[in-house]
Amino acid sequence: MQLPHHPVVPLPFRLVLNLIDWTRKFRARRYGVTYTYMFLDASGEDLDELRGLVEDGKLRTVVGTTASLRDVEAVRNAFQLVYSGRGGLGKAVIKVVEEEST
């Protein structure tokens, strides 16, 4: 990712961050989970790559809480879960437009 001011992280901090990342990957591997980071600039090629990963089933979204924007109390509860740090696994999704079932 290219930032306009080109920040540089000092070597000791990079080493510590890499050690922390290695530890997380090691712990995840115990459960059969692997992950990598993907930093993207806004480009069509990157979006095509992400689309391909989704279509191949290699990239999946994890949804934890879902609420309709029309249900104010459900939205408040979803935001409260996120704010309190007890949101659990997945993202909180607020449905702005309901899908029509055929």
C-alpha atoms as a PDB file:
ATOM      1  CA  MET A   1       0.000   0.000   0.000  1.00  0.00           C
ATOM      2  CA  GLN A   2       1.511   3.283  -1.063  1.00  0.00           C
ATOM      3  CA  LEU A   3       0.920   6.070   1.415  1.00  0.00           C
ATOM      4  CA  PRO A   4       1.736   9.628   0.367  1.00  0.00           C
ATOM      5  CA  HIS A   5       4.211  10.248   3.180  1.00  0.00           C
ATOM      6  CA  HIS A   6       6.031   6.855   2.768  1.00  0.00           C
ATOM      7  CA  PRO A   7       6.228   5.849   6.440  1.00  0.00           C
ATOM      8  CA  VAL A   8       9.023   3.540   7.543  1.00  0.00           C
ATOM      9  CA  VAL A   9       8.636   1.251  10.528  1.00  0.00           C
ATOM     10  CA  PRO A  10      11.916   0.951  12.482  1.00  0.00           C
ATOM     11  CA  LEU A  11      13.586  -2.470  12.341  1.00  0.00           C
ATOM     12  CA  PRO A  12      13.065  -3.447  16.019  1.00  0.00           C
ATOM     13  CA  PHE A  13       9.328  -2.795  15.714  1.00  0.00           C
ATOM     14  CA  ARG A  14       9.125  -4.760  12.460  1.00  0.00           C
ATOM     15  CA  LEU A  15      10.876  -7.709  14.115  1.00  0.00           C
ATOM     16  CA  VAL A  16       8.470  -7.662  17.071  1.00  0.00           C
ATOM     17  CA  LEU A  17       5.439  -7.392  14.781  1.00  0.00           C
ATOM     18  CA  ASN A  18       6.727 -10.264  12.644  1.00  0.00           C
ATOM     19  CA  LEU A  19       7.254 -12.396  15.761  1.00  0.00           C
ATOM     20  CA  ILE A  20       3.696 -11.689  16.922  1.00  0.00           C
ATOM     21  CA  ASP A  21       2.380 -12.562  13.456  1.00  0.00           C
ATOM     22  CA  TRP A  22       4.391 -15.794  13.374  1.00  0.00           C
ATOM     23  CA  THR A  23       2.965 -16.750  16.779  1.00  0.00           C
ATOM     24  CA  ARG A  24      -0.614 -16.169  15.574  1.00  0.00           C
ATOM     25  CA  LYS A  25      -0.025 -18.207  12.435  1.00  0.00           C
ATOM     26  CA  PHE A  26       1.476 -21.028  14.509  1.00  0.00           C
ATOM     27  CA  ARG A  27      -1.531 -21.053  16.849  1.00  0.00           C
ATOM     28  CA  ALA A  28      -3.943 -20.995  13.918  1.00  0.00           C
ATOM     29  CA  ARG A  29      -2.115 -23.876  12.236  1.00  0.00           C
ATOM     30  CA  ARG A  30      -2.850 -26.068  15.278  1.00  0.00           C
ATOM     31  CA  TYR A  31      -6.514 -25.830  14.329  1.00  0.00           C
ATOM     32  CA  GLY A  32      -5.908 -26.410  10.621  1.00  0.00           C
ATOM     33  CA  VAL A  33      -6.313 -22.727   9.734  1.00  0.00           C
ATOM     34  CA  THR A  34      -3.965 -20.789   7.483  1.00  0.00           C
ATOM     35  CA  TYR A  35      -4.186 -17.159   6.482  1.00  0.00           C
ATOM     36  CA  THR A  36      -2.257 -14.527   4.602  1.00  0.00           C
ATOM     37  CA  TYR A  37      -2.518 -10.773   4.336  1.00  0.00           C
ATOM     38  CA  MET A  38      -3.560  -9.048   1.152  1.00  0.00           C
ATOM     39  CA  PHE A  39      -3.002  -5.303   0.935  1.00  0.00           C
ATOM     40  CA  LEU A  40      -4.780  -3.749  -1.997  1.00  0.00           C
ATOM     41  CA  ASP A  41      -4.621  -0.526  -3.885  1.00  0.00           C
ATOM     42  CA  ALA A  42      -7.839   0.359  -5.617  1.00  0.00           C
ATOM     43  CA  SER A  43      -7.485  -1.397  -8.973  1.00  0.00           C
ATOM     44  CA  GLY A  44      -9.609  -3.567 -11.220  1.00  0.00           C
ATOM     45  CA  GLU A  45      -7.010  -6.361 -11.243  1.00  0.00           C
ATOM     46  CA  ASP A  46      -7.162  -6.703  -7.457  1.00  0.00           C
ATOM     47  CA  LEU A  47     -10.953  -6.774  -7.470  1.00  0.00           C
ATOM     48  CA  ASP A  48     -10.889  -9.445 -10.188  1.00  0.00           C
ATOM     49  CA  GLU A  49      -8.512 -11.514  -8.054  1.00  0.00           C
ATOM     50  CA  LEU A  50     -10.833 -11.221  -5.062  1.00  0.00           C
ATOM     51  CA  ARG A  51     -13.832 -12.140  -7.214  1.00  0.00           C
ATOM     52  CA  GLY A  52     -11.981 -15.237  -8.429  1.00  0.00           C
ATOM     53  CA  LEU A  53     -11.184 -16.284  -4.856  1.00  0.00           C
ATOM     54  CA  VAL A  54     -14.833 -15.907  -3.857  1.00  0.00           C
ATOM     55  CA  GLU A  55     -16.068 -17.835  -6.899  1.00  0.00           C
ATOM     56  CA  ASP A  56     -13.567 -20.646  -6.240  1.00  0.00           C
ATOM     57  CA  GLY A  57     -14.754 -20.895  -2.645  1.00  0.00           C
ATOM     58  CA  LYS A  58     -11.318 -20.008  -1.246  1.00  0.00           C
ATOM     59  CA  LEU A  59     -12.556 -16.778   0.331  1.00  0.00           C
ATOM     60  CA  ARG A  60     -15.659 -16.842   2.494  1.00  0.00           C
ATOM     61  CA  THR A  61     -17.348 -14.188   4.525  1.00  0.00           C
ATOM     62  CA  VAL A  62     -18.253 -14.870   8.120  1.00  0.00           C
ATOM     63  CA  VAL A  63     -21.390 -13.094   9.295  1.00  0.00           C
ATOM     64  CA  GLY A  64     -22.032 -12.989  13.015  1.00  0.00           C
ATOM     65  CA  THR A  65     -24.991 -10.671  13.563  1.00  0.00           C
ATOM     66  CA  THR A  66     -27.588  -9.570  11.018  1.00  0.00           C
ATOM     67  CA  ALA A  67     -30.181  -6.846  11.516  1.00  0.00           C
ATOM     68  CA  SER A  68     -32.601  -5.031   9.245  1.00  0.00           C
ATOM     69  CA  LEU A  69     -32.310  -1.255   9.116  1.00  0.00           C
ATOM     70  CA  ARG A  70     -36.093  -1.128   9.540  1.00  0.00           C
ATOM     71  CA  ASP A  71     -35.793  -2.744  12.988  1.00  0.00           C
ATOM     72  CA  VAL A  72     -34.205  -0.002  15.079  1.00  0.00           C
ATOM     73  CA  GLU A  73     -33.961  -2.130  18.230  1.00  0.00           C
ATOM     74  CA  ALA A  74     -32.142  -4.936  16.382  1.00  0.00           C
ATOM     75  CA  VAL A  75     -29.679  -2.406  14.934  1.00  0.00           C
ATOM     76  CA  ARG A  76     -29.045  -0.965  18.401  1.00  0.00           C
ATOM     77  CA  ASN A  77     -28.435  -4.449  19.788  1.00  0.00           C
ATOM     78  CA  ALA A  78     -26.025  -5.291  16.949  1.00  0.00           C
ATOM     79  CA  PHE A  79     -24.070  -2.081  17.489  1.00  0.00           C
ATOM     80  CA  GLN A  80     -24.014  -2.656  21.241  1.00  0.00           C
ATOM     81  CA  LEU A  81     -22.510  -6.125  20.702  1.00  0.00           C
ATOM     82  CA  VAL A  82     -19.766  -4.654  18.505  1.00  0.00           C
ATOM     83  CA  TYR A  83     -19.148  -1.735  20.864  1.00  0.00           C
ATOM     84  CA  SER A  84     -18.894  -3.978  23.914  1.00  0.00           C
ATOM     85  CA  GLY A  85     -16.402  -6.285  22.201  1.00  0.00           C
ATOM     86  CA  ARG A  86     -18.696  -9.300  22.586  1.00  0.00           C
ATOM     87  CA  GLY A  87     -19.661  -9.499  18.928  1.00  0.00           C
ATOM     88  CA  GLY A  88     -18.306 -13.014  18.617  1.00  0.00           C
ATOM     89  CA  LEU A  89     -17.147 -14.490  15.366  1.00  0.00           C
ATOM     90  CA  GLY A  90     -17.922 -12.662  12.139  1.00  0.00           C
ATOM     91  CA  LYS A  91     -19.038  -9.242  11.045  1.00  0.00           C
ATOM     92  CA  ALA A  92     -22.168  -7.375  11.985  1.00  0.00           C
ATOM     93  CA  VAL A  93     -24.307  -6.805   8.895  1.00  0.00           C
ATOM     94  CA  ILE A  94     -27.041  -4.197   8.676  1.00  0.00           C
ATOM     95  CA  LYS A  95     -29.427  -4.928   5.804  1.00  0.00           C
ATOM     96  CA  VAL A  96     -30.330  -1.668   4.101  1.00  0.00           C
ATOM     97  CA  VAL A  97     -32.411  -3.244   1.336  1.00  0.00           C
ATOM     98  CA  GLU A  98     -34.272  -6.483   1.929  1.00  0.00           C
ATOM     99  CA  GLU A  99     -33.909  -9.107  -0.791  1.00  0.00           C
ATOM    100  CA  GLU A 100     -37.133 -10.173  -2.402  1.00  0.00           C
ATOM    101  CA  SER A 101     -37.780 -13.912  -2.339  1.00  0.00           C
ATOM    102  CA  THR A 102     -39.288 -15.397  -5.495  1.00  0.00           C
END
